[in-house]
Amino acid sequence: MLAQQDAFEAERNARMVKAVYVYEAPLRLWHWINALAITLLAITGYFIGKPLPSLAGDTSTQYLMGWIRFIHFAAAYVFAIGFLGRIYWAIVGNHHARQIFLLPIFNARWWSEVFYELRWYLFMVREPKKYVGHNPLAQLMMFLFFTIGAVYMILTGFALYGEGLGEGSWADTMFGWVIAALGGNSLQVHNMHRLGMWVTLCFVIVHIYAAIREDIMSRQSLISTMISGWRMFKD
């Protein structure tokens, strides 16, 4: 009887909670800086792979591709340093900051909720579940397409950057092995890096769609949560 009363009290208290502080300020700042860096990397990376037509006028006055490359490299530094900062915050921040790095893959209940969320996104179930942090499917997708994807893009990108800086440069020393490990063909590494860009863009599109959809259909805030830090439950 006492156990039932405790369970009822816990459920009643849970229903009373309308907002929970989830994402701390450094994480939110990183999120939006990272989003800007990815946008700049995608735009400039596209034009690096498919350069614009030659411009009219004397070549000494034209530096368009130089600026495109500069913006790409600067955004890459921001992205890479930001990723290192994100790893640091996963260590010192709250437990929500660790979700995209640590998956409870040996937890059967977690996997069942991954598949429940998949059915929810496919409109196969009527009611969503409420989560304070990432839902299990979002956590899995963030790990696969952002955490692993970021490592992939940093390794291949700085390997190509090191080739441009020249043999013996810091980037060549730290990342030159990537080109050798992938067959020794820098064009192949470039193509793989570019493929990673398209995969990342597809993930970003799905990520934005899911955030807007959850805000509307699951009656819990996502977009505003990454601004204020507070998860709002609307029901």
Protein backbone atom coordinates (compact mmCIF):
# COMPACT_ATOMS: atom_id res chain seq x y z
CA MET A 1 0.00 0.00 0.00
CA LEU A 2 2.84 2.37 0.89
CA ALA A 3 4.62 1.55 -2.38
CA GLN A 4 1.46 2.34 -4.36
CA GLN A 5 1.09 5.65 -2.53
CA ASP A 6 4.73 6.54 -3.28
CA ALA A 7 4.25 5.68 -6.95
CA PHE A 8 1.10 7.81 -7.11
CA GLU A 9 2.89 10.72 -5.44
CA ALA A 10 5.80 10.46 -7.90
CA GLU A 11 3.41 10.42 -10.86
CA ARG A 12 1.47 13.40 -9.46
CA ASN A 13 4.68 15.36 -8.99
CA ALA A 14 5.80 14.49 -12.53
CA ARG A 15 2.55 15.86 -13.92
CA MET A 16 3.10 19.09 -12.04
CA VAL A 17 6.45 19.67 -13.73
CA LYS A 18 5.92 22.01 -16.68
CA ALA A 19 9.53 22.94 -17.39
CA VAL A 20 12.91 21.33 -16.75
CA TYR A 21 16.31 22.98 -17.20
CA VAL A 22 18.17 20.73 -19.65
CA TYR A 23 20.87 22.43 -21.71
CA GLU A 24 23.42 24.66 -20.00
CA ALA A 25 24.59 27.93 -21.56
CA PRO A 26 27.98 26.70 -22.94
CA LEU A 27 26.24 23.82 -24.73
CA ARG A 28 23.61 26.12 -26.23
CA LEU A 29 26.28 28.59 -27.39
CA TRP A 30 28.25 25.74 -28.96
CA HIS A 31 25.12 24.47 -30.74
CA TRP A 32 24.46 27.72 -32.60
CA ILE A 33 28.11 28.46 -33.38
CA ASN A 34 28.43 24.91 -34.66
CA ALA A 35 25.32 25.33 -36.83
CA LEU A 36 26.82 28.47 -38.39
CA ALA A 37 30.16 26.73 -38.95
CA ILE A 38 28.47 23.77 -40.67
CA THR A 39 26.49 26.16 -42.90
CA LEU A 40 29.64 28.02 -43.96
CA LEU A 41 31.56 24.78 -44.45
CA ALA A 42 28.84 23.33 -46.67
CA ILE A 43 28.48 26.43 -48.86
CA THR A 44 32.19 27.07 -49.30
CA GLY A 45 32.99 23.36 -49.58
CA TYR A 46 30.54 23.03 -52.44
CA PHE A 47 32.23 25.83 -54.38
CA ILE A 48 35.69 24.47 -53.64
CA GLY A 49 34.63 21.20 -55.27
CA LYS A 50 32.75 22.96 -58.10
CA PRO A 51 34.44 26.35 -58.58
CA LEU A 52 32.58 29.30 -60.02
CA PRO A 53 33.25 30.36 -63.65
CA SER A 54 36.23 32.61 -64.24
CA LEU A 55 35.56 36.26 -63.48
CA ALA A 56 36.15 39.07 -65.94
CA GLY A 57 39.07 41.43 -65.38
CA ASP A 58 42.69 41.15 -64.42
CA THR A 59 43.46 38.05 -62.36
CA SER A 60 45.53 40.09 -59.89
CA THR A 61 42.34 41.85 -58.73
CA GLN A 62 40.28 38.69 -58.30
CA TYR A 63 40.49 36.76 -55.04
CA LEU A 64 37.03 35.20 -54.87
CA MET A 65 38.17 31.58 -54.58
CA GLY A 66 40.82 32.67 -52.11
CA TRP A 67 38.13 34.15 -49.87
CA ILE A 68 35.98 31.05 -50.26
CA ARG A 69 38.89 28.85 -49.19
CA PHE A 70 39.74 31.20 -46.31
CA ILE A 71 36.16 31.10 -44.98
CA HIS A 72 36.14 27.31 -45.34
CA PHE A 73 39.38 26.89 -43.42
CA ALA A 74 38.36 29.40 -40.72
CA ALA A 75 35.00 27.64 -40.25
CA ALA A 76 36.83 24.30 -40.08
CA TYR A 77 38.98 25.59 -37.22
CA VAL A 78 35.85 26.80 -35.39
CA PHE A 79 34.14 23.45 -35.99
CA ALA A 80 37.12 21.37 -34.82
CA ILE A 81 37.94 23.49 -31.77
CA GLY A 82 34.25 23.62 -30.91
CA PHE A 83 34.06 19.83 -31.08
CA LEU A 84 36.96 19.55 -28.63
CA GLY A 85 35.14 22.02 -26.38
CA ARG A 86 31.99 19.93 -26.69
CA ILE A 87 33.90 16.85 -25.52
CA TYR A 88 35.19 18.84 -22.55
CA TRP A 89 31.66 19.97 -21.66
CA ALA A 90 30.44 16.38 -21.89
CA ILE A 91 32.86 15.68 -19.03
CA VAL A 92 32.14 18.70 -16.81
CA GLY A 93 28.54 19.47 -17.78
CA ASN A 94 25.31 17.82 -16.67
CA HIS A 95 24.32 14.32 -17.77
CA HIS A 96 22.35 15.64 -20.76
CA ALA A 97 25.63 16.95 -22.20
CA ARG A 98 26.94 13.38 -22.41
CA GLN A 99 24.02 11.88 -24.31
CA ILE A 100 25.50 12.21 -27.81
CA PHE A 101 28.75 10.54 -26.73
CA LEU A 102 27.57 7.66 -24.54
CA LEU A 103 24.87 5.25 -25.69
CA PRO A 104 23.32 2.66 -23.35
CA ILE A 105 23.58 0.01 -26.06
CA PHE A 106 23.36 -2.86 -23.56
CA ASN A 107 20.07 -1.60 -22.15
CA ALA A 108 17.15 -3.52 -23.65
CA ARG A 109 14.62 -0.90 -22.55
CA TRP A 110 16.58 1.82 -24.34
CA TRP A 111 16.46 -0.16 -27.59
CA SER A 112 12.72 -0.75 -27.21
CA GLU A 113 12.24 2.99 -26.87
CA VAL A 114 14.43 3.60 -29.94
CA PHE A 115 12.04 1.47 -31.98
CA TYR A 116 9.01 3.08 -30.32
CA GLU A 117 10.29 6.50 -31.39
CA LEU A 118 10.92 5.17 -34.90
CA ARG A 119 7.28 4.05 -35.09
CA TRP A 120 6.22 7.47 -33.77
CA TYR A 121 8.14 9.26 -36.51
CA LEU A 122 6.61 6.88 -39.09
CA PHE A 123 3.11 7.71 -37.81
CA MET A 124 2.57 4.14 -36.63
CA VAL A 125 1.68 5.06 -33.03
CA ARG A 126 -0.69 7.75 -31.80
CA GLU A 127 0.95 9.01 -28.63
CA PRO A 128 4.52 10.27 -28.17
CA LYS A 129 6.60 9.68 -25.08
CA LYS A 130 8.03 12.58 -23.12
CA TYR A 131 11.78 12.93 -22.57
CA VAL A 132 13.71 15.58 -20.71
CA GLY A 133 16.82 15.26 -22.89
CA HIS A 134 17.20 13.61 -26.28
CA ASN A 135 14.74 10.85 -27.03
CA PRO A 136 16.54 7.51 -27.61
CA LEU A 137 16.23 7.61 -31.42
CA ALA A 138 17.53 11.19 -31.54
CA GLN A 139 20.39 10.18 -29.24
CA LEU A 140 21.33 7.32 -31.58
CA MET A 141 21.13 9.50 -34.70
CA MET A 142 23.17 12.28 -33.09
CA PHE A 143 25.87 9.78 -32.15
CA LEU A 144 26.02 8.20 -35.61
CA PHE A 145 25.62 11.24 -37.84
CA PHE A 146 27.12 13.99 -35.71
CA THR A 147 29.61 12.55 -33.22
CA ILE A 148 31.04 9.92 -35.58
CA GLY A 149 30.41 12.17 -38.57
CA ALA A 150 32.30 15.08 -37.01
CA VAL A 151 35.34 12.91 -36.34
CA TYR A 152 35.20 11.66 -39.95
CA MET A 153 34.96 15.17 -41.41
CA ILE A 154 37.72 16.57 -39.17
CA LEU A 155 40.11 13.74 -40.06
CA THR A 156 39.53 13.85 -43.82
CA GLY A 157 39.30 17.65 -43.95
CA PHE A 158 42.50 18.38 -42.06
CA ALA A 159 44.29 15.65 -44.01
CA LEU A 160 43.50 17.56 -47.21
CA TYR A 161 44.39 20.84 -45.49
CA GLY A 162 47.75 19.39 -44.47
CA GLU A 163 48.45 18.40 -48.06
CA GLY A 164 47.90 22.01 -49.07
CA LEU A 165 50.14 23.36 -46.31
CA GLY A 166 52.89 21.04 -47.43
CA GLU A 167 54.87 18.08 -46.19
CA GLY A 168 56.09 18.52 -42.63
CA SER A 169 53.41 21.05 -41.67
CA TRP A 170 51.55 20.54 -38.40
CA ALA A 171 48.41 19.40 -40.23
CA ASP A 172 50.38 16.99 -42.42
CA THR A 173 52.16 15.60 -39.36
CA MET A 174 48.92 15.08 -37.41
CA PHE A 175 46.56 14.05 -40.22
CA GLY A 176 48.68 13.04 -43.20
CA TRP A 177 48.29 9.38 -42.23
CA VAL A 178 44.61 9.58 -43.15
CA ILE A 179 45.37 9.87 -46.87
CA ALA A 180 47.75 6.91 -46.67
CA ALA A 181 45.22 4.87 -44.70
CA LEU A 182 42.57 5.55 -47.37
CA GLY A 183 44.72 4.36 -50.25
CA GLY A 184 47.19 7.19 -50.69
CA ASN A 185 44.97 8.98 -53.22
CA SER A 186 44.11 12.51 -52.12
CA LEU A 187 41.38 12.80 -54.78
CA GLN A 188 39.66 9.80 -53.22
CA VAL A 189 39.90 11.45 -49.79
CA HIS A 190 38.46 14.65 -51.30
CA ASN A 191 35.53 12.68 -52.74
CA MET A 192 34.95 10.95 -49.40
CA HIS A 193 35.06 14.31 -47.61
CA ARG A 194 32.55 15.73 -50.09
CA LEU A 195 30.30 12.70 -49.64
CA GLY A 196 30.45 13.35 -45.90
CA MET A 197 29.21 16.89 -46.60
CA TRP A 198 26.11 15.59 -48.39
CA VAL A 199 25.42 13.06 -45.63
CA THR A 200 25.74 15.85 -43.05
CA LEU A 201 23.34 18.07 -45.00
CA CYS A 202 20.78 15.26 -45.20
CA PHE A 203 21.11 14.79 -41.45
CA VAL A 204 20.66 18.54 -40.85
CA ILE A 205 17.44 18.55 -42.91
CA VAL A 206 16.03 15.61 -40.94
CA HIS A 207 17.23 17.17 -37.67
CA ILE A 208 15.40 20.44 -38.35
CA TYR A 209 12.27 18.62 -39.52
CA ALA A 210 12.23 16.42 -36.40
CA ALA A 211 12.70 19.42 -34.09
CA ILE A 212 9.82 21.35 -35.65
CA ARG A 213 7.62 18.23 -35.79
CA GLU A 214 8.23 17.38 -32.13
CA ASP A 215 7.51 20.97 -31.08
CA ILE A 216 4.10 20.70 -32.73
CA MET A 217 3.06 17.06 -32.40
CA SER A 218 4.62 15.83 -29.17
CA ARG A 219 3.73 19.01 -27.26
CA GLN A 220 7.22 19.49 -25.82
CA SER A 221 9.66 22.23 -26.77
CA LEU A 222 12.80 21.54 -28.77
CA ILE A 223 13.84 24.64 -30.70
CA SER A 224 13.18 27.09 -27.84
CA THR A 225 14.93 24.67 -25.47
CA MET A 226 18.18 25.18 -27.37
CA ILE A 227 17.74 28.93 -26.87
CA SER A 228 16.59 29.13 -23.26
CA GLY A 229 17.82 25.78 -21.95
CA TRP A 230 14.37 24.90 -20.57
CA ARG A 231 12.33 21.96 -21.85
CA MET A 232 8.69 23.02 -21.78
CA PHE A 233 5.95 20.38 -21.54
CA LYS A 234 2.77 21.83 -23.03
CA ASP A 235 0.30 19.21 -21.80
